[in-house]
Structure formats: structure tokens, C-alpha cells
């Protein structure tokens, strides 16, 4: 039986209270890569780490996951926060 490949759009809360949206086929491994300072350029600075996974969504195809990532990244912060609230994520900023 063939295994269905899954694609993920995910959102991280960075240590500096910024939000990062990404795409992966293995969210747990990708978050560990971000926390090791080897992920995206955005999460490399120590001021942004550690990062915390606060949301992820599963897709059956790569295109849909990449579209979700693109849409999230290209909106203002308040819209990103609204998106998260609509998905049951309540953030307490420190």
C-alpha cells in the first residue's frame, strides 16, 4: 500500500514575539532545524530563537501548502493574528 505524502504549512512564534510561516513535509524536524539556527534566514538570529510551533495545517499536495504559506507571509501582522484566532490560537505576548 502506497503512503500518501503530506505537506504542511506551519506558523512559529519566535522568541522576539514575531511570527514566521513556513512549509515542510516534516514539521517536527523542521522546527528542530529552526531552533538549531539552521532553518530559514529569518529564524537564524539568536534573538528569534527558540521558536515555538503554534499552528500547522496538513495538505495533500505541495501547491496548496505553498499557497497557504505565501498567503500568510504576505499579510499584515494583525491579519496573521486574526487568522490564528480564527483557528483557535490565542497568543499571550511576553
C-alpha atoms as a PDB file:
ATOM      1  CA  UNK A   1       0.000   0.000   0.000  1.00  0.00           C
ATOM      2  CA  UNK A   2       1.402   3.393  -1.000  1.00  0.00           C
ATOM      3  CA  UNK A   3       1.894   6.043   1.643  1.00  0.00           C
ATOM      4  CA  UNK A   4       0.237   9.373   0.934  1.00  0.00           C
ATOM      5  CA  UNK A   5       2.741  12.206   1.099  1.00  0.00           C
ATOM      6  CA  UNK A   6       1.672  15.064   3.359  1.00  0.00           C
ATOM      7  CA  UNK A   7       2.664  18.697   3.101  1.00  0.00           C
ATOM      8  CA  UNK A   8       2.406  21.195   5.901  1.00  0.00           C
ATOM      9  CA  UNK A   9       2.004  24.903   6.333  1.00  0.00           C
ATOM     10  CA  UNK A  10       3.103  25.899   9.831  1.00  0.00           C
ATOM     11  CA  UNK A  11       3.384  29.004  11.994  1.00  0.00           C
ATOM     12  CA  UNK A  12       6.095  29.624  14.568  1.00  0.00           C
ATOM     13  CA  UNK A  13       6.093  32.103  17.416  1.00  0.00           C
ATOM     14  CA  UNK A  14       9.632  33.419  17.666  1.00  0.00           C
ATOM     15  CA  UNK A  15      11.322  34.456  20.931  1.00  0.00           C
ATOM     16  CA  UNK A  16      11.024  38.123  19.881  1.00  0.00           C
ATOM     17  CA  UNK A  17       7.224  37.705  19.518  1.00  0.00           C
ATOM     18  CA  UNK A  18       7.313  37.768  15.727  1.00  0.00           C
ATOM     19  CA  UNK A  19       5.508  35.192  13.628  1.00  0.00           C
ATOM     20  CA  UNK A  20       7.064  33.024  10.949  1.00  0.00           C
ATOM     21  CA  UNK A  21       5.122  30.972   8.408  1.00  0.00           C
ATOM     22  CA  UNK A  22       6.750  28.061   6.639  1.00  0.00           C
ATOM     23  CA  UNK A  23       6.283  24.927   4.574  1.00  0.00           C
ATOM     24  CA  UNK A  24       7.597  21.417   5.226  1.00  0.00           C
ATOM     25  CA  UNK A  25       6.989  17.725   4.759  1.00  0.00           C
ATOM     26  CA  UNK A  26       8.143  17.059   8.347  1.00  0.00           C
ATOM     27  CA  UNK A  27       7.079  19.770  10.797  1.00  0.00           C
ATOM     28  CA  UNK A  28       8.791  18.332  13.895  1.00  0.00           C
ATOM     29  CA  UNK A  29      12.131  18.015  12.115  1.00  0.00           C
ATOM     30  CA  UNK A  30      11.759  21.483  10.569  1.00  0.00           C
ATOM     31  CA  UNK A  31      11.072  23.160  13.934  1.00  0.00           C
ATOM     32  CA  UNK A  32      14.181  21.466  15.355  1.00  0.00           C
ATOM     33  CA  UNK A  33      16.170  22.796  12.390  1.00  0.00           C
ATOM     34  CA  UNK A  34      14.885  26.320  13.051  1.00  0.00           C
ATOM     35  CA  UNK A  35      15.821  26.039  16.742  1.00  0.00           C
ATOM     36  CA  UNK A  36      19.299  24.843  15.807  1.00  0.00           C
ATOM     37  CA  UNK A  37      19.793  28.091  13.859  1.00  0.00           C
ATOM     38  CA  UNK A  38      19.917  26.217  10.564  1.00  0.00           C
ATOM     39  CA  UNK A  39      16.406  26.935   9.320  1.00  0.00           C
ATOM     40  CA  UNK A  40      15.297  29.949   7.354  1.00  0.00           C
ATOM     41  CA  UNK A  41      17.348  33.135   7.350  1.00  0.00           C
ATOM     42  CA  UNK A  42      14.546  34.771   9.365  1.00  0.00           C
ATOM     43  CA  UNK A  43      14.900  32.406  12.329  1.00  0.00           C
ATOM     44  CA  UNK A  44      18.727  32.251  12.369  1.00  0.00           C
ATOM     45  CA  UNK A  45      19.353  35.226  14.702  1.00  0.00           C
ATOM     46  CA  UNK A  46      19.571  34.204  18.376  1.00  0.00           C
ATOM     47  CA  UNK A  47      17.053  36.938  19.215  1.00  0.00           C
ATOM     48  CA  UNK A  48      14.392  34.970  17.313  1.00  0.00           C
ATOM     49  CA  UNK A  49      15.137  31.627  18.964  1.00  0.00           C
ATOM     50  CA  UNK A  50      13.846  29.499  20.412  1.00  0.00           C
ATOM     51  CA  UNK A  51      10.826  29.223  18.171  1.00  0.00           C
ATOM     52  CA  UNK A  52       7.611  27.501  19.167  1.00  0.00           C
ATOM     53  CA  UNK A  53       5.221  25.711  16.824  1.00  0.00           C
ATOM     54  CA  UNK A  54       1.804  27.275  17.376  1.00  0.00           C
ATOM     55  CA  UNK A  55      -0.142  26.116  14.305  1.00  0.00           C
ATOM     56  CA  UNK A  56       0.087  23.666  11.452  1.00  0.00           C
ATOM     57  CA  UNK A  57      -2.228  22.575   8.697  1.00  0.00           C
ATOM     58  CA  UNK A  58      -1.936  19.446   6.556  1.00  0.00           C
ATOM     59  CA  UNK A  59      -2.357  19.368   2.783  1.00  0.00           C
ATOM     60  CA  UNK A  60      -2.423  16.515   0.283  1.00  0.00           C
ATOM     61  CA  UNK A  61      -0.465  18.484  -2.293  1.00  0.00           C
ATOM     62  CA  UNK A  62       2.575  20.708  -2.251  1.00  0.00           C
ATOM     63  CA  UNK A  63       0.979  23.541  -4.206  1.00  0.00           C
ATOM     64  CA  UNK A  64      -1.822  24.054  -1.679  1.00  0.00           C
ATOM     65  CA  UNK A  65       0.607  24.112   1.251  1.00  0.00           C
ATOM     66  CA  UNK A  66       2.883  26.598  -0.519  1.00  0.00           C
ATOM     67  CA  UNK A  67      -0.117  28.799  -1.342  1.00  0.00           C
ATOM     68  CA  UNK A  68      -1.139  28.830   2.324  1.00  0.00           C
ATOM     69  CA  UNK A  69       2.405  29.797   3.303  1.00  0.00           C
ATOM     70  CA  UNK A  70       2.584  32.560   0.688  1.00  0.00           C
ATOM     71  CA  UNK A  71      -0.772  33.998   1.724  1.00  0.00           C
ATOM     72  CA  UNK A  72       0.188  34.045   5.412  1.00  0.00           C
ATOM     73  CA  UNK A  73       3.556  35.679   4.779  1.00  0.00           C
ATOM     74  CA  UNK A  74       2.078  38.419   2.597  1.00  0.00           C
ATOM     75  CA  UNK A  75      -0.397  39.884   5.038  1.00  0.00           C
ATOM     76  CA  UNK A  76      -0.008  42.384   7.875  1.00  0.00           C
ATOM     77  CA  UNK A  77       0.629  41.136  11.407  1.00  0.00           C
ATOM     78  CA  UNK A  78      -2.876  41.956  12.613  1.00  0.00           C
ATOM     79  CA  UNK A  79      -4.328  39.786   9.833  1.00  0.00           C
ATOM     80  CA  UNK A  80      -1.948  36.974  10.795  1.00  0.00           C
ATOM     81  CA  UNK A  81      -3.165  37.246  14.397  1.00  0.00           C
ATOM     82  CA  UNK A  82      -6.791  37.197  13.194  1.00  0.00           C
ATOM     83  CA  UNK A  83      -6.067  34.076  11.122  1.00  0.00           C
ATOM     84  CA  UNK A  84      -4.616  32.366  14.183  1.00  0.00           C
ATOM     85  CA  UNK A  85      -7.561  33.404  16.374  1.00  0.00           C
ATOM     86  CA  UNK A  86      -9.973  32.018  13.766  1.00  0.00           C
ATOM     87  CA  UNK A  87      -8.130  28.710  14.126  1.00  0.00           C
ATOM     88  CA  UNK A  88      -8.359  28.703  17.922  1.00  0.00           C
ATOM     89  CA  UNK A  89      -4.875  30.020  18.637  1.00  0.00           C
ATOM     90  CA  UNK A  90      -4.742  32.638  21.398  1.00  0.00           C
ATOM     91  CA  UNK A  91      -1.372  34.215  21.898  1.00  0.00           C
ATOM     92  CA  UNK A  92      -0.101  35.749  25.112  1.00  0.00           C
ATOM     93  CA  UNK A  93       2.701  38.056  24.148  1.00  0.00           C
ATOM     94  CA  UNK A  94       5.523  38.339  26.670  1.00  0.00           C
END
